[in-house]
Amino acid sequence: MLKNFNLPKLSKELMKAGISLQGNCNSQGVVWDDDNNEIQDRADVVAVLKAHDPIDYSAVNQAARLILAKDAVKAIPSWAKWTEKESLSWVQANISTPLADARASLPATLTLATVRAAFFVLLGILDKMLVLMVALTRMSVALRNKNWPELPEE
């Protein structure tokens, strides 16, 4: 039988089919049972050998996910390439400072107008936090896919 065989994959297929407890085979398609008898001509073994696809699709999928991870990182806004100092500066300017300013500007006696103004300031801060969370989520998924491409997506 002239065919390429992926030995680890073929061994698993033979064991799954109940043909061998060890999955004993070689790259030429010779298969041995657990008593070391050649059995590659048996009908059930021939069926496994004919159906065998030597391509390890899990490795192909891992490579594809790694490529997608790199593309996903490239699609994240430019802040993803900032230094730690630049990132902390953005958080300070867009979240910490406006929040502190909102706290400081609240009068001792609240009116409906001051509550409304404070509410709009907080909504603006929450909008910026949402943008940051979406980008962080994208980065987390991209990093997961790069570091652990074999993990299944659920």
C-alpha atoms as a PDB file:
ATOM      1  CA  MET A   1       0.000   0.000   0.000  1.00  0.00           C
ATOM      2  CA  LEU A   2       1.695   3.223  -1.153  1.00  0.00           C
ATOM      3  CA  LYS A   3       0.470   5.917   1.143  1.00  0.00           C
ATOM      4  CA  ASN A   4       1.989   8.339   3.627  1.00  0.00           C
ATOM      5  CA  PHE A   5       1.076   7.593   7.202  1.00  0.00           C
ATOM      6  CA  ASN A   6       1.146   9.835  10.252  1.00  0.00           C
ATOM      7  CA  LEU A   7       2.243   7.249  12.816  1.00  0.00           C
ATOM      8  CA  PRO A   8       0.960   8.913  15.999  1.00  0.00           C
ATOM      9  CA  LYS A   9      -2.375   9.634  14.337  1.00  0.00           C
ATOM     10  CA  LEU A  10      -2.644   6.168  12.752  1.00  0.00           C
ATOM     11  CA  SER A  11      -1.810   4.507  16.080  1.00  0.00           C
ATOM     12  CA  LYS A  12      -4.663   6.405  17.749  1.00  0.00           C
ATOM     13  CA  GLU A  13      -7.031   5.438  14.914  1.00  0.00           C
ATOM     14  CA  LEU A  14      -6.097   1.757  15.264  1.00  0.00           C
ATOM     15  CA  MET A  15      -6.620   1.873  19.028  1.00  0.00           C
ATOM     16  CA  LYS A  16      -9.925   3.732  18.639  1.00  0.00           C
ATOM     17  CA  ALA A  17     -11.133   1.056  16.198  1.00  0.00           C
ATOM     18  CA  GLY A  18     -10.288  -1.595  18.805  1.00  0.00           C
ATOM     19  CA  ILE A  19      -7.737  -3.235  16.497  1.00  0.00           C
ATOM     20  CA  SER A  20      -4.770  -2.910  18.828  1.00  0.00           C
ATOM     21  CA  LEU A  21      -4.228  -1.803  22.402  1.00  0.00           C
ATOM     22  CA  GLN A  22      -0.846  -0.353  21.417  1.00  0.00           C
ATOM     23  CA  GLY A  23      -1.566   0.894  17.887  1.00  0.00           C
ATOM     24  CA  ASN A  24       1.519  -0.917  16.549  1.00  0.00           C
ATOM     25  CA  CYS A  25       2.278   0.165  12.975  1.00  0.00           C
ATOM     26  CA  ASN A  26       4.993   1.591  10.760  1.00  0.00           C
ATOM     27  CA  SER A  27       5.212   4.243   8.065  1.00  0.00           C
ATOM     28  CA  GLN A  28       4.694   1.670   5.266  1.00  0.00           C
ATOM     29  CA  GLY A  29       1.276   0.650   6.587  1.00  0.00           C
ATOM     30  CA  VAL A  30       2.361  -2.547   8.284  1.00  0.00           C
ATOM     31  CA  VAL A  31       0.198  -3.154  11.355  1.00  0.00           C
ATOM     32  CA  TRP A  32       0.778  -5.661  14.155  1.00  0.00           C
ATOM     33  CA  ASP A  33      -1.727  -6.944  16.652  1.00  0.00           C
ATOM     34  CA  ASP A  34      -0.928  -7.153  20.347  1.00  0.00           C
ATOM     35  CA  ASP A  35       0.631 -10.608  19.801  1.00  0.00           C
ATOM     36  CA  ASN A  36       3.009  -9.125  17.192  1.00  0.00           C
ATOM     37  CA  ASN A  37       1.270 -10.743  14.177  1.00  0.00           C
ATOM     38  CA  GLU A  38       1.017  -8.729  10.949  1.00  0.00           C
ATOM     39  CA  ILE A  39      -2.630  -7.867  10.366  1.00  0.00           C
ATOM     40  CA  GLN A  40      -2.610  -5.106   7.729  1.00  0.00           C
ATOM     41  CA  ASP A  41      -4.559  -7.354   5.308  1.00  0.00           C
ATOM     42  CA  ARG A  42      -7.500  -7.814   7.687  1.00  0.00           C
ATOM     43  CA  ALA A  43     -10.644  -6.067   6.434  1.00  0.00           C
ATOM     44  CA  ASP A  44     -11.070  -3.867   9.514  1.00  0.00           C
ATOM     45  CA  VAL A  45      -7.401  -2.802   9.373  1.00  0.00           C
ATOM     46  CA  VAL A  46      -7.585  -2.144   5.616  1.00  0.00           C
ATOM     47  CA  ALA A  47     -10.610   0.099   6.249  1.00  0.00           C
ATOM     48  CA  VAL A  48      -8.683   2.141   8.856  1.00  0.00           C
ATOM     49  CA  LEU A  49      -5.636   2.391   6.571  1.00  0.00           C
ATOM     50  CA  LYS A  50      -7.764   3.530   3.609  1.00  0.00           C
ATOM     51  CA  ALA A  51      -9.611   6.108   5.721  1.00  0.00           C
ATOM     52  CA  HIS A  52      -6.392   7.415   7.321  1.00  0.00           C
ATOM     53  CA  ASP A  53      -5.620  11.060   6.552  1.00  0.00           C
ATOM     54  CA  PRO A  54      -1.988  11.787   7.467  1.00  0.00           C
ATOM     55  CA  ILE A  55      -2.570  15.517   7.931  1.00  0.00           C
ATOM     56  CA  ASP A  56      -2.611  16.580  11.569  1.00  0.00           C
ATOM     57  CA  TYR A  57      -5.379  19.152  11.404  1.00  0.00           C
ATOM     58  CA  SER A  58      -4.881  20.165  15.018  1.00  0.00           C
ATOM     59  CA  ALA A  59      -1.413  21.485  14.047  1.00  0.00           C
ATOM     60  CA  VAL A  60      -2.907  23.219  10.995  1.00  0.00           C
ATOM     61  CA  ASN A  61      -5.594  24.782  13.197  1.00  0.00           C
ATOM     62  CA  GLN A  62      -2.976  25.879  15.723  1.00  0.00           C
ATOM     63  CA  ALA A  63      -0.983  27.616  12.983  1.00  0.00           C
ATOM     64  CA  ALA A  64      -4.110  29.295  11.643  1.00  0.00           C
ATOM     65  CA  ARG A  65      -5.086  30.530  15.118  1.00  0.00           C
ATOM     66  CA  LEU A  66      -1.573  31.911  15.615  1.00  0.00           C
ATOM     67  CA  ILE A  67      -1.866  33.867  12.358  1.00  0.00           C
ATOM     68  CA  LEU A  68      -5.315  35.101  13.380  1.00  0.00           C
ATOM     69  CA  ALA A  69      -3.929  36.128  16.789  1.00  0.00           C
ATOM     70  CA  LYS A  70      -1.268  38.272  15.129  1.00  0.00           C
ATOM     71  CA  ASP A  71      -3.896  39.861  12.873  1.00  0.00           C
ATOM     72  CA  ALA A  72      -6.150  40.480  15.881  1.00  0.00           C
ATOM     73  CA  VAL A  73      -3.374  42.320  17.718  1.00  0.00           C
ATOM     74  CA  LYS A  74      -2.718  44.457  14.636  1.00  0.00           C
ATOM     75  CA  ALA A  75      -6.421  45.421  14.591  1.00  0.00           C
ATOM     76  CA  ILE A  76      -6.372  46.730  18.171  1.00  0.00           C
ATOM     77  CA  PRO A  77      -6.120  50.530  18.362  1.00  0.00           C
ATOM     78  CA  SER A  78      -2.681  52.098  18.536  1.00  0.00           C
ATOM     79  CA  TRP A  79      -2.674  52.155  22.344  1.00  0.00           C
ATOM     80  CA  ALA A  80      -1.873  48.431  22.214  1.00  0.00           C
ATOM     81  CA  LYS A  81       1.660  49.379  21.167  1.00  0.00           C
ATOM     82  CA  TRP A  82       2.114  52.030  23.853  1.00  0.00           C
ATOM     83  CA  THR A  83       4.689  51.732  26.589  1.00  0.00           C
ATOM     84  CA  GLU A  84       3.524  51.188  30.149  1.00  0.00           C
ATOM     85  CA  LYS A  85       4.112  54.896  30.838  1.00  0.00           C
ATOM     86  CA  GLU A  86       1.980  55.940  27.856  1.00  0.00           C
ATOM     87  CA  SER A  87      -0.808  53.552  28.890  1.00  0.00           C
ATOM     88  CA  LEU A  88      -0.842  54.806  32.475  1.00  0.00           C
ATOM     89  CA  SER A  89      -0.826  58.392  31.197  1.00  0.00           C
ATOM     90  CA  TRP A  90      -3.919  57.701  29.099  1.00  0.00           C
ATOM     91  CA  VAL A  91      -5.733  56.127  32.074  1.00  0.00           C
ATOM     92  CA  GLN A  92      -4.729  59.104  34.254  1.00  0.00           C
ATOM     93  CA  ALA A  93      -5.908  61.685  31.700  1.00  0.00           C
ATOM     94  CA  ASN A  94      -9.114  59.922  30.640  1.00  0.00           C
ATOM     95  CA  ILE A  95     -10.322  58.147  33.780  1.00  0.00           C
ATOM     96  CA  SER A  96      -8.511  59.084  37.006  1.00  0.00           C
ATOM     97  CA  THR A  97      -8.339  62.874  36.553  1.00  0.00           C
ATOM     98  CA  PRO A  98     -11.931  63.327  35.291  1.00  0.00           C
ATOM     99  CA  LEU A  99     -13.173  61.149  38.154  1.00  0.00           C
ATOM    100  CA  ALA A 100     -11.233  63.193  40.726  1.00  0.00           C
ATOM    101  CA  ASP A 101     -12.466  66.418  39.130  1.00  0.00           C
ATOM    102  CA  ALA A 102     -16.050  65.180  39.273  1.00  0.00           C
ATOM    103  CA  ARG A 103     -15.676  64.352  42.969  1.00  0.00           C
ATOM    104  CA  ALA A 104     -14.110  67.725  43.756  1.00  0.00           C
ATOM    105  CA  SER A 105     -16.725  69.696  41.835  1.00  0.00           C
ATOM    106  CA  LEU A 106     -19.731  68.234  43.629  1.00  0.00           C
ATOM    107  CA  PRO A 107     -21.221  70.908  45.850  1.00  0.00           C
ATOM    108  CA  ALA A 108     -22.241  70.234  49.441  1.00  0.00           C
ATOM    109  CA  THR A 109     -25.862  70.716  48.490  1.00  0.00           C
ATOM    110  CA  LEU A 110     -26.948  68.869  45.398  1.00  0.00           C
ATOM    111  CA  THR A 111     -29.531  70.153  43.029  1.00  0.00           C
ATOM    112  CA  LEU A 112     -31.064  68.321  40.135  1.00  0.00           C
ATOM    113  CA  ALA A 113     -28.843  70.326  37.772  1.00  0.00           C
ATOM    114  CA  THR A 114     -25.583  69.424  39.588  1.00  0.00           C
ATOM    115  CA  VAL A 115     -26.579  65.763  39.818  1.00  0.00           C
ATOM    116  CA  ARG A 116     -27.356  65.792  36.107  1.00  0.00           C
ATOM    117  CA  ALA A 117     -23.986  67.394  35.274  1.00  0.00           C
ATOM    118  CA  ALA A 118     -22.115  64.908  37.469  1.00  0.00           C
ATOM    119  CA  PHE A 119     -24.019  62.052  35.871  1.00  0.00           C
ATOM    120  CA  PHE A 120     -22.942  63.151  32.383  1.00  0.00           C
ATOM    121  CA  VAL A 121     -19.303  63.390  33.505  1.00  0.00           C
ATOM    122  CA  LEU A 122     -19.539  59.852  34.864  1.00  0.00           C
ATOM    123  CA  LEU A 123     -21.127  58.607  31.647  1.00  0.00           C
ATOM    124  CA  GLY A 124     -18.218  60.077  29.684  1.00  0.00           C
ATOM    125  CA  ILE A 125     -15.752  58.268  31.957  1.00  0.00           C
ATOM    126  CA  LEU A 126     -17.709  55.007  31.617  1.00  0.00           C
ATOM    127  CA  ASP A 127     -17.685  55.360  27.814  1.00  0.00           C
ATOM    128  CA  LYS A 128     -13.884  55.606  27.874  1.00  0.00           C
ATOM    129  CA  MET A 129     -13.659  52.641  30.242  1.00  0.00           C
ATOM    130  CA  LEU A 130     -15.824  50.613  27.843  1.00  0.00           C
ATOM    131  CA  VAL A 131     -13.464  51.394  24.947  1.00  0.00           C
ATOM    132  CA  LEU A 132     -10.555  50.300  27.127  1.00  0.00           C
ATOM    133  CA  MET A 133     -12.303  47.070  28.221  1.00  0.00           C
ATOM    134  CA  VAL A 134     -13.161  46.089  24.637  1.00  0.00           C
ATOM    135  CA  ALA A 135      -9.551  46.615  23.579  1.00  0.00           C
ATOM    136  CA  LEU A 136      -8.238  44.696  26.609  1.00  0.00           C
ATOM    137  CA  THR A 137     -10.600  41.833  25.836  1.00  0.00           C
ATOM    138  CA  ARG A 138      -9.351  41.703  22.244  1.00  0.00           C
ATOM    139  CA  MET A 139      -5.752  41.747  23.462  1.00  0.00           C
ATOM    140  CA  SER A 140      -6.428  38.969  25.990  1.00  0.00           C
ATOM    141  CA  VAL A 141      -7.972  36.727  23.338  1.00  0.00           C
ATOM    142  CA  ALA A 142      -5.145  37.441  20.887  1.00  0.00           C
ATOM    143  CA  LEU A 143      -2.521  36.658  23.541  1.00  0.00           C
ATOM    144  CA  ARG A 144      -4.346  33.471  24.516  1.00  0.00           C
ATOM    145  CA  ASN A 145      -4.477  32.355  20.886  1.00  0.00           C
ATOM    146  CA  LYS A 146      -0.772  33.130  20.420  1.00  0.00           C
ATOM    147  CA  ASN A 147       0.396  31.410  23.602  1.00  0.00           C
ATOM    148  CA  TRP A 148      -2.035  28.498  23.641  1.00  0.00           C
ATOM    149  CA  PRO A 149      -3.209  27.918  20.045  1.00  0.00           C
ATOM    150  CA  GLU A 150      -4.203  24.334  20.895  1.00  0.00           C
ATOM    151  CA  LEU A 151      -6.954  25.485  23.264  1.00  0.00           C
ATOM    152  CA  PRO A 152     -10.375  24.877  21.744  1.00  0.00           C
ATOM    153  CA  GLU A 153     -12.674  27.822  21.263  1.00  0.00           C
ATOM    154  CA  GLU A 154     -15.921  27.321  23.139  1.00  0.00           C
END
